[in-house]
């Protein structure tokens, strides 16, 4: 069994039901998030009991050194409705924040929430970013990287647009172990899809969520892939008993 685990083919990326390749997987994810966009924020806060707000703030504080620089160029990738970008803005009010997502509906909501918080919003595919090489000092992604159709391509794109010495942080869900892990799976696989359907009217999206977390590489595996993509000083910091965690690396 140990040998089989070592030779197991790595998961390429997200694979929503019916997806046949990278393009169809990307298209399915975009359509799914566009469909749930109007209820996306409410669902996130209800389903996480507002702990997601603590995770965003903690992630932003982790990069306070870069964010304190008035000339820092920062990209929040797969930004959704902008909550991670806003946390970065609060931590670094003088830095220049860009939020990128391939769901137009999400970006419309993010822009509406901006108020007096200046953030530039860009509609873009994380696998084909429309930015020149070495454009950013910091790149973050909160609960979006898991939905990429090709994780290794996503990592290479992050490295391409990072400046030498630049940092990145990927905040993602994780499946904890032990009793907490068993309780978590019951909630994630049985209760969450029902609540999601009740609020959003879309059961499929919230059935996809636990499946995508179960499919996502474990922290040790993703750290290896981050290193293979050319990053150094890589680490994973668990949040809230390992329910989520922050992957870090430096170009």
Protein backbone atom coordinates (compact mmCIF):
# COMPACT_ATOMS: atom_id res chain seq x y z
CA UNK A 1 0.00 0.00 0.00
CA UNK A 2 2.88 2.37 0.77
CA UNK A 3 4.29 1.83 -2.72
CA UNK A 4 0.87 2.46 -4.31
CA UNK A 5 0.55 5.73 -2.41
CA UNK A 6 3.96 6.83 -3.65
CA UNK A 7 3.15 6.07 -7.28
CA UNK A 8 -0.36 7.51 -7.26
CA UNK A 9 -0.88 10.00 -10.06
CA UNK A 10 -1.17 13.53 -8.62
CA UNK A 11 -4.54 15.24 -8.99
CA UNK A 12 -4.28 17.73 -11.84
CA UNK A 13 -6.94 20.13 -10.65
CA UNK A 14 -10.62 20.66 -9.95
CA UNK A 15 -12.97 18.26 -11.69
CA UNK A 16 -16.65 19.22 -11.39
CA UNK A 17 -19.14 16.56 -12.40
CA UNK A 18 -19.20 16.13 -16.16
CA UNK A 19 -15.86 17.87 -16.79
CA UNK A 20 -13.74 16.09 -19.39
CA UNK A 21 -10.63 18.27 -19.58
CA UNK A 22 -9.06 21.50 -18.28
CA UNK A 23 -11.24 23.77 -20.42
CA UNK A 24 -14.54 22.09 -19.52
CA UNK A 25 -13.55 21.99 -15.82
CA UNK A 26 -12.78 25.72 -15.86
CA UNK A 27 -16.05 26.46 -17.64
CA UNK A 28 -18.07 24.38 -15.15
CA UNK A 29 -16.48 26.12 -12.16
CA UNK A 30 -17.11 29.57 -13.66
CA UNK A 31 -20.77 28.76 -14.34
CA UNK A 32 -21.24 27.33 -10.85
CA UNK A 33 -19.85 30.38 -9.05
CA UNK A 34 -21.74 32.74 -11.32
CA UNK A 35 -24.96 30.93 -10.37
CA UNK A 36 -24.39 31.25 -6.61
CA UNK A 37 -22.84 34.75 -6.66
CA UNK A 38 -25.93 36.59 -5.28
CA UNK A 39 -25.89 34.45 -2.10
CA UNK A 40 -22.17 33.75 -1.95
CA UNK A 41 -21.26 36.09 0.93
CA UNK A 42 -24.22 35.10 3.10
CA UNK A 43 -23.49 31.41 2.63
CA UNK A 44 -19.80 31.79 3.42
CA UNK A 45 -20.52 33.55 6.71
CA UNK A 46 -23.35 31.22 7.74
CA UNK A 47 -21.52 28.02 6.85
CA UNK A 48 -18.29 29.07 8.58
CA UNK A 49 -19.97 30.77 11.58
CA UNK A 50 -18.05 33.91 10.54
CA UNK A 51 -14.69 32.24 11.22
CA UNK A 52 -13.76 33.00 7.59
CA UNK A 53 -13.38 36.67 8.56
CA UNK A 54 -10.74 35.72 11.14
CA UNK A 55 -8.88 33.66 8.53
CA UNK A 56 -8.75 36.57 6.07
CA UNK A 57 -7.46 38.96 8.74
CA UNK A 58 -4.87 36.48 9.96
CA UNK A 59 -3.62 35.92 6.41
CA UNK A 60 -3.34 39.66 5.79
CA UNK A 61 -1.39 40.14 9.05
CA UNK A 62 1.01 37.40 7.97
CA UNK A 63 2.13 39.62 5.09
CA UNK A 64 2.14 42.90 7.03
CA UNK A 65 5.79 43.53 6.12
CA UNK A 66 5.08 43.67 2.40
CA UNK A 67 1.72 45.39 2.86
CA UNK A 68 3.32 48.20 4.90
CA UNK A 69 5.26 49.36 1.85
CA UNK A 70 3.50 52.23 0.04
CA UNK A 71 4.67 51.00 -3.36
CA UNK A 72 3.75 47.33 -2.85
CA UNK A 73 1.91 45.76 -5.78
CA UNK A 74 -0.49 43.08 -4.49
CA UNK A 75 -2.68 40.61 -6.39
CA UNK A 76 -5.57 38.72 -4.80
CA UNK A 77 -6.18 35.80 -7.13
CA UNK A 78 -9.61 34.15 -7.50
CA UNK A 79 -10.85 37.08 -5.43
CA UNK A 80 -14.57 36.25 -5.54
CA UNK A 81 -16.53 39.11 -4.00
CA UNK A 82 -13.40 40.72 -2.62
CA UNK A 83 -13.24 39.91 1.10
CA UNK A 84 -9.57 38.85 1.06
CA UNK A 85 -8.68 41.91 -1.02
CA UNK A 86 -10.44 44.14 1.53
CA UNK A 87 -8.54 42.47 4.39
CA UNK A 88 -5.30 43.19 2.52
CA UNK A 89 -6.39 46.80 2.01
CA UNK A 90 -7.07 47.26 5.73
CA UNK A 91 -3.65 45.82 6.61
CA UNK A 92 -1.85 47.85 3.94
CA UNK A 93 -3.84 51.00 3.17
CA UNK A 94 -1.01 52.45 1.05
CA UNK A 95 -0.36 49.33 -1.02
CA UNK A 96 -1.84 48.87 -4.47
CA UNK A 97 -4.35 46.03 -4.46
CA UNK A 98 -5.66 44.21 -7.54
CA UNK A 99 -8.39 41.57 -7.34
CA UNK A 100 -8.69 39.09 -10.20
CA UNK A 101 -11.40 36.51 -10.87
CA UNK A 102 -12.84 34.84 -13.95
CA UNK A 103 -16.45 35.19 -12.76
CA UNK A 104 -17.86 38.51 -13.97
CA UNK A 105 -20.80 38.20 -11.56
CA UNK A 106 -18.45 37.94 -8.57
CA UNK A 107 -16.48 41.00 -9.69
CA UNK A 108 -19.68 43.06 -10.06
CA UNK A 109 -20.48 42.29 -6.41
CA UNK A 110 -16.89 42.99 -5.32
CA UNK A 111 -16.97 46.37 -7.03
CA UNK A 112 -20.29 47.23 -5.40
CA UNK A 113 -18.80 46.42 -1.98
CA UNK A 114 -15.67 48.51 -2.54
CA UNK A 115 -17.15 51.82 -1.34
CA UNK A 116 -14.15 54.01 -0.46
CA UNK A 117 -11.67 51.11 -0.49
CA UNK A 118 -9.70 51.55 -3.73
CA UNK A 119 -9.14 48.14 -5.30
CA UNK A 120 -8.63 47.48 -9.01
CA UNK A 121 -10.81 44.60 -10.28
CA UNK A 122 -9.71 42.53 -13.28
CA UNK A 123 -11.66 39.74 -15.00
CA UNK A 124 -8.97 37.13 -15.65
CA UNK A 125 -8.27 33.40 -15.74
CA UNK A 126 -5.72 32.38 -13.09
CA UNK A 127 -4.17 29.92 -15.55
CA UNK A 128 -3.54 32.70 -18.12
CA UNK A 129 -2.96 35.91 -16.19
CA UNK A 130 -2.93 39.12 -18.26
CA UNK A 131 0.01 40.61 -16.38
CA UNK A 132 3.66 41.00 -17.40
CA UNK A 133 6.36 38.91 -15.74
CA UNK A 134 7.42 40.06 -12.28
CA UNK A 135 4.47 42.43 -11.72
CA UNK A 136 3.67 41.81 -8.03
CA UNK A 137 5.34 41.81 -4.63
CA UNK A 138 2.63 39.67 -3.02
CA UNK A 139 -0.02 37.28 -4.36
CA UNK A 140 -2.77 35.77 -2.25
CA UNK A 141 -5.66 33.41 -2.96
CA UNK A 142 -8.36 32.62 -0.42
CA UNK A 143 -10.41 29.48 -1.08
CA UNK A 144 -10.08 29.88 -4.83
CA UNK A 145 -6.90 28.04 -5.78
CA UNK A 146 -8.62 24.70 -5.06
CA UNK A 147 -11.01 25.41 -7.94
CA UNK A 148 -8.29 25.76 -10.60
CA UNK A 149 -8.44 23.13 -13.31
CA UNK A 150 -4.64 22.72 -13.23
CA UNK A 151 -2.81 23.36 -9.95
CA UNK A 152 0.73 23.17 -11.34
CA UNK A 153 -0.06 25.62 -14.13
CA UNK A 154 -1.58 27.93 -11.53
CA UNK A 155 1.59 27.77 -9.42
CA UNK A 156 3.76 28.51 -12.44
CA UNK A 157 1.62 31.53 -13.30
CA UNK A 158 1.90 32.80 -9.73
CA UNK A 159 5.68 32.47 -9.92
CA UNK A 160 5.81 34.14 -13.33
CA UNK A 161 4.06 37.32 -12.19
CA UNK A 162 5.83 37.50 -8.81
CA UNK A 163 8.94 39.65 -8.50
CA UNK A 164 12.16 38.02 -7.21
CA UNK A 165 11.83 37.86 -3.43
CA UNK A 166 8.05 38.24 -3.69
CA UNK A 167 5.76 36.17 -1.46
CA UNK A 168 2.53 34.31 -2.03
CA UNK A 169 -0.10 32.83 0.28
CA UNK A 170 -2.79 30.28 -0.56
CA UNK A 171 -5.52 30.01 2.08
CA UNK A 172 -7.44 26.78 1.63
CA UNK A 173 -9.67 24.28 3.39
CA UNK A 174 -8.17 21.06 4.71
CA UNK A 175 -9.54 17.79 6.06
CA UNK A 176 -8.44 17.51 9.70
CA UNK A 177 -7.74 14.13 11.29
CA UNK A 178 -9.14 12.33 14.33
CA UNK A 179 -12.56 12.90 15.90
CA UNK A 180 -12.70 16.48 14.65
CA UNK A 181 -12.03 15.22 11.14
CA UNK A 182 -14.90 12.73 11.34
CA UNK A 183 -17.31 15.37 12.63
CA UNK A 184 -16.10 17.76 9.98
CA UNK A 185 -16.80 15.24 7.23
CA UNK A 186 -20.34 14.64 8.49
CA UNK A 187 -21.00 18.38 8.48
CA UNK A 188 -19.27 19.02 5.17
CA UNK A 189 -20.82 16.12 3.24
CA UNK A 190 -24.29 15.87 4.78
CA UNK A 191 -25.29 19.16 6.41
CA UNK A 192 -23.51 21.80 4.34
CA UNK A 193 -25.06 20.83 0.96
CA UNK A 194 -28.54 21.01 2.47
CA UNK A 195 -27.98 24.45 3.99
CA UNK A 196 -26.37 25.60 0.76
CA UNK A 197 -29.33 24.47 -1.30
CA UNK A 198 -31.80 26.05 1.15
CA UNK A 199 -30.14 29.48 0.95
CA UNK A 200 -28.87 29.50 -2.64
CA UNK A 201 -31.24 27.10 -4.38
CA UNK A 202 -28.20 25.32 -5.82
CA UNK A 203 -27.39 21.98 -4.21
CA UNK A 204 -24.80 21.07 -6.83
CA UNK A 205 -22.39 23.85 -5.88
CA UNK A 206 -22.39 22.84 -2.23
CA UNK A 207 -22.04 19.17 -3.03
CA UNK A 208 -19.04 20.12 -5.17
CA UNK A 209 -17.41 21.96 -2.23
CA UNK A 210 -16.77 18.94 0.05
CA UNK A 211 -15.81 16.83 -2.95
CA UNK A 212 -13.27 19.44 -4.04
CA UNK A 213 -11.75 19.62 -0.55
CA UNK A 214 -11.44 15.83 -0.37
CA UNK A 215 -9.81 15.83 -3.81
CA UNK A 216 -7.38 18.66 -3.07
CA UNK A 217 -3.74 17.66 -2.43
CA UNK A 218 -2.76 17.16 1.21
CA UNK A 219 -0.49 19.83 2.72
CA UNK A 220 2.69 17.71 2.32
CA UNK A 221 1.85 16.96 -1.34
CA UNK A 222 1.03 20.54 -2.24
CA UNK A 223 4.20 21.77 -0.51
CA UNK A 224 6.21 19.41 -2.73
CA UNK A 225 4.46 20.77 -5.81
CA UNK A 226 5.07 24.34 -4.70
CA UNK A 227 8.77 23.58 -4.37
CA UNK A 228 8.78 21.84 -7.76
CA UNK A 229 7.30 25.02 -9.27
CA UNK A 230 10.43 26.88 -8.17
CA UNK A 231 9.49 28.42 -4.84
CA UNK A 232 11.60 28.46 -1.68
CA UNK A 233 10.87 28.93 2.03
CA UNK A 234 7.62 27.00 1.63
CA UNK A 235 5.42 26.25 4.63
CA UNK A 236 1.89 25.42 5.71
CA UNK A 237 0.28 27.00 8.78
CA UNK A 238 -2.91 25.29 10.06
CA UNK A 239 -5.86 27.50 11.05
CA UNK A 240 -8.63 26.50 13.50
CA UNK A 241 -7.49 22.95 14.31
CA UNK A 242 -6.49 22.31 10.70
CA UNK A 243 -9.89 23.01 9.13
CA UNK A 244 -8.09 25.51 6.93
CA UNK A 245 -4.49 26.51 6.46
CA UNK A 246 -2.11 28.93 4.75
CA UNK A 247 0.45 27.75 2.22
CA UNK A 248 3.36 30.17 1.84
CA UNK A 249 6.30 30.49 -0.51
CA UNK A 250 8.85 32.96 -1.81
CA UNK A 251 10.13 33.38 -5.34
